[in-house]
Amino acid sequence: MKKLLFLCTLACASICHGQNNEIYFADPTVFVENGTYYMTGTRNIEPLGFALLESKDLKHWKSVETKHSNLILKCGHRVFGERGFWAPQILKEGGRYYLAYTANEQTALASSDRIAGPYTQRKVAPIDGSEKNIDPFLFKDDDGKYYLYHVRFDKGNYIWVAEFDLEKGQIVPGTLKKCFDCTQEWESIPNYKSNPIMEGPTVIKKDGLYYMFYSANHFKNIDYAVGYAVAASPRGPWKKADNNPIIHRDLIGENGTGHGDFFEGLDGNLYYVFHVHNSNTEIQPRRTRIVSLNFQYDRQKEVYRITADKNKIITPTCE
């Protein structure tokens, strides 16, 4: 028991810092089940893998007990990857939990019969090893089909979608499609020199339409921000919102606001969890934030207009 408590304390110390014990997950995601919030994200520290926190109120979090140094997925334990464990997502299907993630600049998928893992693979391999692809997000449509949204490299980072066979852990051949290009001014602000970057996709379906949240600009750019696009099909075509970006440094009051996940709270409110830069002068380690979203239906355009509430920003902390 003493060893377990030590591992829990060590895990919390590795992702919670500062006077206020803030959480330092980049690319965070929140999964909600049985009255509890679960959060994981990019750590970028040894041992490589993903840790898990739980909360009842989104403000106060504690470490979840696991088997591998308090990691739900650990490098070298029947999973793909030796470096760069980034951008996880948890989903559940048929009583089994799945963890989509990035390692070695490849998307991968592991599974477990417990939310706390350990997540492993029957066959240790990436989803698609033919070329670099990162930032996986699995979306299940009402007809039972799964879609893998992710980022591929082509003189920049661009979001792609493909039908996905969850049982095989593979993209359905012939279904891969690019979602969109960099077309709005906010997506290419030259505060940090880089190729075009669009990443961190997360998709929801509301009243028959698909809403994709995504981030643009390099994550080191102070103007890294979040926008959204709408489509009548999970494969597009996508129309970007005219009020993009909806989450940005002018609204939040901190630099580098982006790459997170949408979720519905236990209170029925809609939220987006994301990361910000460490400070006005330092990027790493990135801090975690949660903001409440407003969905206002536009009857004329027959679409929801989404905004973030600057008065409802949560700074999650560890107990």
Protein backbone atom coordinates (compact mmCIF):
# COMPACT_ATOMS: atom_id res chain seq x y z
CA MET A 1 0.00 0.00 0.00
CA LYS A 2 2.85 2.42 0.83
CA LYS A 3 4.41 1.72 -2.58
CA LEU A 4 1.09 2.38 -4.34
CA LEU A 5 0.61 5.66 -2.49
CA PHE A 6 4.16 6.66 -3.43
CA LEU A 7 3.47 5.93 -7.12
CA CYS A 8 0.26 7.94 -7.00
CA THR A 9 2.05 10.89 -5.39
CA LEU A 10 4.88 10.65 -7.93
CA ALA A 11 2.45 10.58 -10.87
CA CYS A 12 0.58 13.63 -9.60
CA ALA A 13 3.83 15.49 -9.02
CA SER A 14 4.85 14.84 -12.64
CA ILE A 15 1.74 16.52 -14.07
CA CYS A 16 0.83 19.00 -11.32
CA HIS A 17 3.10 21.94 -10.57
CA GLY A 18 3.25 25.43 -9.17
CA GLN A 19 1.88 27.14 -6.14
CA ASN A 20 -1.70 26.28 -7.11
CA ASN A 21 -0.90 22.66 -8.09
CA GLU A 22 -2.20 23.15 -11.63
CA ILE A 23 -2.51 20.28 -14.09
CA TYR A 24 0.05 20.22 -16.90
CA PHE A 25 -1.52 18.06 -19.61
CA ALA A 26 -1.07 19.22 -23.20
CA ASP A 27 -3.53 17.96 -25.86
CA PRO A 28 -5.97 17.02 -23.05
CA THR A 29 -9.11 14.93 -23.37
CA VAL A 30 -11.98 14.30 -20.93
CA PHE A 31 -14.09 11.13 -20.81
CA VAL A 32 -17.28 11.09 -18.72
CA GLU A 33 -18.76 7.97 -17.15
CA ASN A 34 -20.86 7.02 -14.09
CA GLY A 35 -20.84 10.52 -12.61
CA THR A 36 -17.08 10.92 -12.92
CA TYR A 37 -14.79 12.90 -15.22
CA TYR A 38 -11.56 11.26 -16.40
CA MET A 39 -8.74 13.30 -17.92
CA THR A 40 -5.56 12.34 -19.71
CA GLY A 41 -3.20 14.11 -22.08
CA THR A 42 0.36 14.58 -23.31
CA ARG A 43 3.00 14.50 -20.53
CA ASN A 44 6.33 14.56 -22.44
CA ILE A 45 8.24 13.12 -19.47
CA GLU A 46 9.70 9.77 -18.42
CA PRO A 47 8.36 7.16 -18.06
CA LEU A 48 6.68 7.61 -21.43
CA GLY A 49 2.95 6.95 -21.62
CA PHE A 50 -0.32 8.37 -20.35
CA ALA A 51 -1.54 9.10 -16.82
CA LEU A 52 -5.18 9.39 -15.74
CA LEU A 53 -6.92 11.80 -13.36
CA GLU A 54 -10.50 11.76 -12.07
CA SER A 55 -12.86 14.45 -10.77
CA LYS A 56 -16.45 15.04 -9.73
CA ASP A 57 -16.55 18.79 -10.37
CA LEU A 58 -13.95 19.60 -13.11
CA LYS A 59 -12.01 21.78 -10.66
CA HIS A 60 -10.43 19.28 -8.28
CA TRP A 61 -8.67 16.18 -9.66
CA LYS A 62 -6.82 13.22 -8.21
CA SER A 63 -4.71 10.46 -9.70
CA VAL A 64 -6.37 7.16 -10.66
CA GLU A 65 -4.65 4.04 -9.33
CA THR A 66 -3.13 1.95 -12.13
CA LYS A 67 -0.69 -0.94 -12.52
CA HIS A 68 2.23 0.67 -14.39
CA SER A 69 3.81 3.46 -12.31
CA ASN A 70 0.36 5.03 -12.34
CA LEU A 71 0.19 5.06 -16.15
CA ILE A 72 -2.77 3.64 -18.04
CA LEU A 73 -0.51 3.01 -21.06
CA LYS A 74 3.25 2.66 -20.74
CA CYS A 75 5.95 2.55 -23.38
CA GLY A 76 7.27 -1.00 -23.83
CA HIS A 77 4.25 -2.76 -22.32
CA ARG A 78 2.69 -4.40 -25.42
CA VAL A 79 2.02 -1.09 -27.14
CA PHE A 80 3.39 0.62 -30.22
CA GLY A 81 5.95 3.41 -29.89
CA GLU A 82 9.27 4.36 -28.34
CA ARG A 83 8.95 8.17 -28.33
CA GLY A 84 6.51 11.06 -28.73
CA PHE A 85 3.45 9.79 -26.84
CA TRP A 86 0.94 12.53 -27.64
CA ALA A 87 -2.74 13.41 -27.99
CA PRO A 88 -4.72 10.53 -26.43
CA GLN A 89 -8.47 9.95 -26.67
CA ILE A 90 -10.58 7.52 -24.62
CA LEU A 91 -13.77 5.96 -25.96
CA LYS A 92 -15.90 2.98 -25.01
CA GLU A 93 -17.59 0.39 -27.19
CA GLY A 94 -19.27 -2.88 -26.22
CA GLY A 95 -18.00 -2.76 -22.64
CA ARG A 96 -14.38 -2.28 -23.72
CA TYR A 97 -12.31 0.90 -23.48
CA TYR A 98 -10.12 2.11 -26.32
CA LEU A 99 -7.22 4.55 -26.22
CA ALA A 100 -6.31 6.23 -29.51
CA TYR A 101 -2.96 8.01 -29.34
CA THR A 102 0.16 9.16 -31.20
CA ALA A 103 3.66 7.65 -30.88
CA ASN A 104 6.64 7.80 -33.25
CA GLU A 105 4.53 10.28 -35.28
CA GLN A 106 2.03 7.50 -36.02
CA THR A 107 -1.53 6.97 -34.78
CA ALA A 108 -2.14 3.85 -32.71
CA LEU A 109 -5.00 2.13 -30.89
CA ALA A 110 -4.85 0.11 -27.67
CA SER A 111 -7.66 -1.29 -25.52
CA SER A 112 -8.51 -2.46 -22.00
CA ASP A 113 -11.42 -3.88 -20.04
CA ARG A 114 -10.94 -1.12 -17.44
CA ILE A 115 -10.96 2.67 -17.74
CA ALA A 116 -7.71 2.69 -15.76
CA GLY A 117 -6.04 0.19 -18.08
CA PRO A 118 -3.53 -1.14 -18.68
CA TYR A 119 -4.17 -0.46 -22.37
CA THR A 120 -2.38 -2.92 -24.66
CA GLN A 121 -2.41 -4.18 -28.25
CA ARG A 122 -2.89 -7.73 -29.51
CA LYS A 123 -0.60 -6.81 -32.40
CA VAL A 124 1.95 -4.12 -31.59
CA ALA A 125 1.64 -1.82 -34.61
CA PRO A 126 0.41 1.61 -35.71
CA ILE A 127 -2.95 2.12 -37.39
CA ASP A 128 -1.36 3.13 -40.69
CA GLY A 129 2.42 2.86 -40.96
CA SER A 130 2.54 3.92 -44.62
CA GLU A 131 3.22 7.57 -43.72
CA LYS A 132 3.31 9.94 -40.76
CA ASN A 133 -0.08 10.65 -39.19
CA ILE A 134 -0.90 12.06 -35.74
CA ASP A 135 -3.71 13.36 -33.47
CA PRO A 136 -6.31 10.57 -33.79
CA PHE A 137 -9.97 11.13 -32.92
CA LEU A 138 -12.50 8.31 -33.32
CA PHE A 139 -16.12 9.29 -33.92
CA LYS A 140 -19.06 6.86 -33.94
CA ASP A 141 -22.03 7.90 -36.06
CA ASP A 142 -25.67 7.00 -35.40
CA ASP A 143 -25.52 4.19 -37.97
CA GLY A 144 -22.72 2.47 -36.05
CA LYS A 145 -19.94 3.43 -38.46
CA TYR A 146 -16.69 4.73 -37.03
CA TYR A 147 -14.59 7.50 -38.56
CA LEU A 148 -10.96 8.26 -37.81
CA TYR A 149 -10.12 11.96 -37.93
CA HIS A 150 -6.38 12.57 -37.83
CA VAL A 151 -3.54 14.72 -39.17
CA ARG A 152 -1.26 13.89 -42.11
CA PHE A 153 1.87 15.71 -43.23
CA ASP A 154 2.18 17.30 -46.68
CA LYS A 155 4.30 20.48 -46.49
CA GLY A 156 2.23 21.24 -43.43
CA ASN A 157 -0.29 19.52 -41.14
CA TYR A 158 -3.78 18.85 -42.50
CA ILE A 159 -6.83 17.04 -41.12
CA TRP A 160 -8.04 13.90 -42.88
CA VAL A 161 -10.92 11.50 -42.30
CA ALA A 162 -11.48 7.85 -43.13
CA GLU A 163 -13.99 5.17 -42.25
CA PHE A 164 -12.54 2.98 -39.52
CA ASP A 165 -12.87 -0.71 -38.65
CA LEU A 166 -12.68 -0.69 -34.85
CA GLU A 167 -12.40 -4.47 -34.53
CA LYS A 168 -9.45 -4.67 -36.91
CA GLY A 169 -8.02 -1.33 -35.81
CA GLN A 170 -7.59 -0.28 -39.43
CA ILE A 171 -8.71 2.37 -41.89
CA VAL A 172 -11.27 1.06 -44.37
CA PRO A 173 -9.47 0.97 -47.75
CA GLY A 174 -10.52 3.61 -50.27
CA THR A 175 -12.20 5.94 -47.73
CA LEU A 176 -9.35 8.33 -46.88
CA LYS A 177 -10.22 11.98 -47.60
CA LYS A 178 -8.70 15.38 -46.80
CA CYS A 179 -11.10 17.60 -44.85
CA PHE A 180 -9.99 21.12 -45.77
CA ASP A 181 -7.10 23.50 -46.35
CA CYS A 182 -5.88 26.62 -44.56
CA THR A 183 -8.34 29.25 -45.87
CA GLN A 184 -9.12 31.67 -43.04
CA GLU A 185 -6.77 34.46 -42.01
CA TRP A 186 -6.55 33.40 -38.35
CA GLU A 187 -5.20 29.99 -39.38
CA SER A 188 -1.84 31.35 -40.55
CA ILE A 189 -0.76 34.21 -38.27
CA PRO A 190 3.02 34.67 -38.73
CA ASN A 191 4.06 35.07 -35.08
CA TYR A 192 5.95 31.79 -35.38
CA LYS A 193 7.36 30.72 -38.75
CA SER A 194 6.03 27.33 -39.91
CA ASN A 195 4.24 25.51 -42.70
CA PRO A 196 0.43 25.58 -42.51
CA ILE A 197 -0.79 23.66 -39.46
CA MET A 198 -4.30 22.38 -38.75
CA GLU A 199 -4.56 19.73 -36.05
CA GLY A 200 -6.27 18.39 -32.92
CA PRO A 201 -9.63 17.45 -34.50
CA THR A 202 -12.62 16.48 -32.37
CA VAL A 203 -16.12 15.92 -33.82
CA ILE A 204 -19.65 15.94 -32.42
CA LYS A 205 -23.06 15.48 -34.02
CA LYS A 206 -25.93 17.77 -33.09
CA ASP A 207 -29.39 17.87 -34.71
CA GLY A 208 -28.19 16.04 -37.80
CA LEU A 209 -25.09 18.16 -38.46
CA TYR A 210 -21.42 17.44 -37.72
CA TYR A 211 -19.29 20.00 -35.90
CA MET A 212 -15.51 19.69 -36.02
CA PHE A 213 -13.35 21.61 -33.55
CA TYR A 214 -9.73 22.02 -34.65
CA SER A 215 -6.62 24.06 -33.88
CA ALA A 216 -4.50 26.11 -36.27
CA ASN A 217 -1.03 27.70 -36.29
CA HIS A 218 2.05 26.08 -34.71
CA PHE A 219 1.55 25.16 -31.05
CA LYS A 220 4.52 27.40 -30.20
CA ASN A 221 2.72 30.36 -31.79
CA ILE A 222 1.10 32.68 -29.24
CA ASP A 223 -1.89 32.77 -31.65
CA TYR A 224 -2.46 29.01 -31.62
CA ALA A 225 -6.26 28.91 -31.45
CA VAL A 226 -9.43 26.85 -31.92
CA GLY A 227 -12.08 27.13 -34.61
CA TYR A 228 -14.84 24.90 -35.92
CA ALA A 229 -16.41 23.78 -39.18
CA VAL A 230 -19.81 22.25 -39.99
CA ALA A 231 -20.88 19.51 -42.42
CA ALA A 232 -23.96 17.46 -43.31
CA SER A 233 -21.82 14.32 -43.55
CA PRO A 234 -18.94 13.01 -41.39
CA ARG A 235 -16.81 13.10 -44.56
CA GLY A 236 -17.69 16.69 -45.43
CA PRO A 237 -17.66 18.96 -47.30
CA TRP A 238 -16.96 21.26 -44.36
CA LYS A 239 -17.94 24.90 -44.01
CA LYS A 240 -15.87 26.89 -41.55
CA ALA A 241 -17.64 29.16 -39.08
CA ASP A 242 -17.55 32.89 -39.74
CA ASN A 243 -16.86 33.62 -36.05
CA ASN A 244 -13.59 31.64 -35.94
CA PRO A 245 -11.49 31.40 -33.88
CA ILE A 246 -13.74 30.80 -30.88
CA ILE A 247 -10.96 30.06 -28.38
CA HIS A 248 -7.94 32.37 -28.60
CA ARG A 249 -5.54 34.33 -26.41
CA ASP A 250 -7.59 37.54 -26.49
CA LEU A 251 -10.58 35.69 -25.02
CA ILE A 252 -8.76 33.40 -22.57
CA GLY A 253 -6.06 35.84 -21.50
CA GLU A 254 -3.23 33.34 -22.03
CA ASN A 255 -1.10 32.40 -25.03
CA GLY A 256 -1.20 29.24 -27.15
CA THR A 257 -4.83 28.26 -26.58
CA GLY A 258 -5.67 25.02 -28.36
CA HIS A 259 -5.66 21.29 -29.09
CA GLY A 260 -8.25 19.76 -26.82
CA ASP A 261 -11.54 17.92 -26.77
CA PHE A 262 -15.26 18.63 -26.53
CA PHE A 263 -17.37 16.96 -23.84
CA GLU A 264 -20.75 17.26 -22.12
CA GLY A 265 -20.59 17.94 -18.40
CA LEU A 266 -22.54 16.21 -15.66
CA ASP A 267 -24.42 19.49 -15.29
CA GLY A 268 -25.62 19.29 -18.91
CA ASN A 269 -23.34 22.13 -20.00
CA LEU A 270 -20.97 21.74 -22.95
CA TYR A 271 -17.24 22.21 -22.44
CA TYR A 272 -13.93 22.24 -24.27
CA VAL A 273 -10.71 21.17 -22.52
CA PHE A 274 -7.46 22.51 -23.99
CA HIS A 275 -3.93 23.67 -23.18
CA VAL A 276 -2.23 27.06 -22.96
CA HIS A 277 1.42 28.11 -22.86
CA ASN A 278 3.21 27.97 -19.54
CA SER A 279 3.54 31.77 -19.42
CA ASN A 280 3.97 34.84 -21.61
CA THR A 281 7.64 33.94 -22.06
CA GLU A 282 7.73 30.12 -21.80
CA ILE A 283 5.85 27.49 -23.80
CA GLN A 284 6.57 24.29 -21.86
CA PRO A 285 5.22 22.65 -19.85
CA ARG A 286 1.79 23.59 -21.10
CA ARG A 287 -1.09 24.14 -18.67
CA THR A 288 -4.60 22.68 -18.86
CA ARG A 289 -7.76 24.78 -19.08
CA ILE A 290 -11.51 24.09 -19.47
CA VAL A 291 -14.01 26.55 -20.93
CA SER A 292 -17.80 26.44 -21.13
CA LEU A 293 -19.29 26.62 -24.63
CA ASN A 294 -22.54 28.21 -25.77
CA PHE A 295 -24.57 26.76 -28.64
CA GLN A 296 -27.05 29.27 -30.07
CA TYR A 297 -29.26 28.05 -32.89
CA ASP A 298 -29.39 30.28 -35.99
CA ARG A 299 -32.84 29.60 -37.47
CA GLN A 300 -32.03 31.41 -40.70
CA LYS A 301 -28.87 29.40 -41.39
CA GLU A 302 -30.21 26.26 -39.63
CA VAL A 303 -26.96 25.75 -37.78
CA TYR A 304 -25.62 26.29 -34.26
CA ARG A 305 -23.31 29.24 -33.66
CA ILE A 306 -20.75 28.22 -31.08
CA THR A 307 -18.96 30.61 -28.73
CA ALA A 308 -16.75 30.19 -25.67
CA ASP A 309 -17.72 31.90 -22.41
CA LYS A 310 -14.79 33.99 -21.15
CA ASN A 311 -16.50 34.22 -17.77
CA LYS A 312 -16.55 30.44 -17.33
CA ILE A 313 -12.93 29.31 -17.60
CA ILE A 314 -11.79 26.58 -15.22
CA THR A 315 -8.21 26.07 -14.06
CA PRO A 316 -8.18 22.39 -12.96
CA THR A 317 -5.90 21.45 -10.06
CA CYS A 318 -4.64 18.25 -8.40
CA GLU A 319 -5.55 17.34 -4.86
